[in-house]
Amino acid sequence: MFEEHRLPPGVRLVHIGPPKTGTTAVQSAFVGVREALAEHGVHYAGQGSRPRKAVKALTGAGVSRRNRPPMAAWESLVREVRSAGPLRVCVSNEQFAAADDLAARRLVSDLGGDAVHVLMVVRSLDTLLPSQWQQRVRKSRQMVSYDEWLQLILSDQSQDQHHQHFWRSHDLAAQIHRWADACAPERVIAVVSNEGNREFLPRLFEGLLDLPEGLLAPIENRSNRSLDMPEAELLRALDQLAKDRRWSPDFYYDDLKPAISKYLRGRIRETTAPITFPGWALNRVAELNAQRVRILSNTPVRVIGNPDTLMIKTAQRFDTTEDRPSVSIGVAAGGAGLSIERVIETQRALERRSIEPAERAHRRANRRPEKTQEEGGLVRPLVVRLLTRLRGLVR
């Protein structure tokens, strides 16, 4: 289907995302056939679905300076890519889009110089923005409301952290300039997203890497779906509750919140409540989409797809969002139950670590420990707090 875009043997194809442009689907498709790729002269680099530590070491994306992995992680990936020799190599990680100019130049130099081709996917902002906000709700500790976030992103407040976080990866003009300068314009590929077509990106990568059509099969993964508005607001309400009640950040943000997020995204939606746009944002988003079309229509880099498809197709995406989105009793109960289980598990883990091995063996041999007053005292107030907070969100 995309044979005319085939890249030569020995190429190093670096897929930089950006985030929320279909990267997970591409990565899962590659991982699913990793061993079979070698038969067709292709190597998919990195451990797991994408090389996390290596890219964080190079770009510093998503980590503090103190927690940034050592450059040895990046150098290990470089050795792996170089050892592939004449094979075509694909490296995919959406955090490459957060690289600065220096990191971009080092990437190209380390991974093969003229053999490096950089691929980015471009989405229309009216589909990208809602997806990006809900992900920020899942990943951030205290996320502002959707309406407030949109105002910050769509304004010129370049000093705001939300504004900087979004446009660091999604400023199309800056991305094209950075990567064209790091390698060469003819080795930068900008792909216009084909919204709703799950086969588009897998087929494109097959064509670029000379793989048999159908080898890269999109993997159905319901747990990676986006949150709808009620689910996102449920997480924001829990964030506020955790802050007000001074829950342990390590417990809530590292354990409980990810577990509830996974539960929400893994369930089948009872209703459809997509995250849409408030009416005030229509003109500004349309203006920014038109700007992206002009950039792609006049860029020296390779463009695959029709830039005009980035223009807004319908005003229905810009319905006013609900003032008080609600979740069903079933969803609220599931989240509360999961929270209680996590608290009990954490309490028991603490108790197990505090008991000497001999005493622990004695208790196992004689009786099963009953729930202590301390455990009950921890769980009951949490249940009351959760249900009180959730009451306003439940129909």
Foldseek 3Di string as FASTA:
>chain_A
DQQVQADAFPAEEEEQEAPPQCQVQQLVLCVVCQVVVVVVQEHEFDPDSAPPLLLCLLAVPPHDPVPRHHNVSVVVRLVVLVVSPRGYYYHYDNSSLLHDLVSLLVVCVSNPAQRYAYEYEAAQCQVRLLQVQQVCLLQPLAHDDSVVLLVLCLDPPCVDPSVVVVCSRHVVVNSQVSNCVSHHQARYEYEYGDPPDSQVVVQNVCSHNVHDPPSRDRDDDQLPDGAADLLSVLSNLVSVLCVVVVPDCCLVSVPLSNVLSSVRSRDDDPDDHHQAAAPVCVVSSQVVLVVQLVCVVPGSHHYHDHSVVSGDDDCVRHHHHDPAAADEPVSLVVSLVSVLVSLLVVVVVVVVVVDDPVVVVVCVVPHDDDDDPVSVVVRVVSSVSSCVSRVSRYD
